[in-house]
Amino acid sequence: MPYDIAEHLLGYQAEYAEEPPTVPPDVERVLGKPGRTLAQWATDHRADLTQDS
């Protein structure tokens, strides 16, 4: 991957990590339930994601 593209992608990811986007209301309209952030999903699935389970 060219350096300038990698630099752009890493910069975008850093911004995203510092200020994650909100879950848009469209998600609830489509799914019929409120959307969750990745952090909320990971917390809910902690046992599935660890070796402790």
C-alpha atoms as a PDB file:
ATOM      1  CA  MET A   1       0.000   0.000   0.000  1.00  0.00           C
ATOM      2  CA  PRO A   2       1.417   3.407  -0.856  1.00  0.00           C
ATOM      3  CA  TYR A   3       2.596   5.465   2.119  1.00  0.00           C
ATOM      4  CA  ASP A   4       0.164   8.362   1.564  1.00  0.00           C
ATOM      5  CA  ILE A   5      -2.852   6.048   1.506  1.00  0.00           C
ATOM      6  CA  ALA A   6      -1.713   4.206   4.641  1.00  0.00           C
ATOM      7  CA  GLU A   7      -1.118   7.534   6.387  1.00  0.00           C
ATOM      8  CA  HIS A   8      -4.608   8.746   5.453  1.00  0.00           C
ATOM      9  CA  LEU A   9      -6.271   5.531   6.630  1.00  0.00           C
ATOM     10  CA  LEU A  10      -4.412   5.521   9.943  1.00  0.00           C
ATOM     11  CA  GLY A  11      -5.263   9.169  10.511  1.00  0.00           C
ATOM     12  CA  TYR A  12      -8.934   8.501   9.822  1.00  0.00           C
ATOM     13  CA  GLN A  13      -8.932   5.568  12.239  1.00  0.00           C
ATOM     14  CA  ALA A  14      -7.270   7.677  14.938  1.00  0.00           C
ATOM     15  CA  GLU A  15      -9.953  10.362  14.600  1.00  0.00           C
ATOM     16  CA  TYR A  16     -12.675   7.706  14.700  1.00  0.00           C
ATOM     17  CA  ALA A  17     -11.200   6.176  17.871  1.00  0.00           C
ATOM     18  CA  GLU A  18     -11.086   9.548  19.627  1.00  0.00           C
ATOM     19  CA  GLU A  19     -14.637  10.521  18.708  1.00  0.00           C
ATOM     20  CA  PRO A  20     -16.752   7.584  17.510  1.00  0.00           C
ATOM     21  CA  PRO A  21     -19.808   8.480  15.452  1.00  0.00           C
ATOM     22  CA  THR A  22     -23.275   8.265  16.946  1.00  0.00           C
ATOM     23  CA  VAL A  23     -25.638   5.521  15.872  1.00  0.00           C
ATOM     24  CA  PRO A  24     -28.118   7.083  13.422  1.00  0.00           C
ATOM     25  CA  PRO A  25     -31.873   6.752  14.084  1.00  0.00           C
ATOM     26  CA  ASP A  26     -32.231   4.888  10.763  1.00  0.00           C
ATOM     27  CA  VAL A  27     -30.754   1.824  12.460  1.00  0.00           C
ATOM     28  CA  GLU A  28     -33.705   1.584  14.850  1.00  0.00           C
ATOM     29  CA  ARG A  29     -36.193   2.080  12.023  1.00  0.00           C
ATOM     30  CA  VAL A  30     -34.604  -0.757  10.038  1.00  0.00           C
ATOM     31  CA  LEU A  31     -33.921  -3.183  12.910  1.00  0.00           C
ATOM     32  CA  GLY A  32     -36.897  -2.347  15.094  1.00  0.00           C
ATOM     33  CA  LYS A  33     -34.609  -1.835  18.091  1.00  0.00           C
ATOM     34  CA  PRO A  34     -32.025   0.781  19.067  1.00  0.00           C
ATOM     35  CA  GLY A  35     -28.598   0.558  17.516  1.00  0.00           C
ATOM     36  CA  ARG A  36     -25.476  -0.012  19.605  1.00  0.00           C
ATOM     37  CA  THR A  37     -21.948   1.216  19.316  1.00  0.00           C
ATOM     38  CA  LEU A  38     -19.137  -1.260  18.816  1.00  0.00           C
ATOM     39  CA  ALA A  39     -18.150  -0.724  22.461  1.00  0.00           C
ATOM     40  CA  GLN A  40     -21.669  -1.609  23.633  1.00  0.00           C
ATOM     41  CA  TRP A  41     -21.732  -4.686  21.419  1.00  0.00           C
ATOM     42  CA  ALA A  42     -18.318  -5.821  22.685  1.00  0.00           C
ATOM     43  CA  THR A  43     -19.423  -5.366  26.306  1.00  0.00           C
ATOM     44  CA  ASP A  44     -22.548  -7.435  25.633  1.00  0.00           C
ATOM     45  CA  HIS A  45     -20.446 -10.187  24.003  1.00  0.00           C
ATOM     46  CA  ARG A  46     -17.487 -10.116  26.376  1.00  0.00           C
ATOM     47  CA  ALA A  47     -17.815 -13.805  27.280  1.00  0.00           C
ATOM     48  CA  ASP A  48     -17.818 -14.725  23.591  1.00  0.00           C
ATOM     49  CA  LEU A  49     -14.670 -12.669  23.009  1.00  0.00           C
ATOM     50  CA  THR A  50     -12.540 -13.903  25.900  1.00  0.00           C
ATOM     51  CA  GLN A  51     -10.952 -17.223  26.740  1.00  0.00           C
ATOM     52  CA  ASP A  52     -12.535 -17.124  30.210  1.00  0.00           C
ATOM     53  CA  SER A  53     -15.823 -18.481  28.902  1.00  0.00           C
END
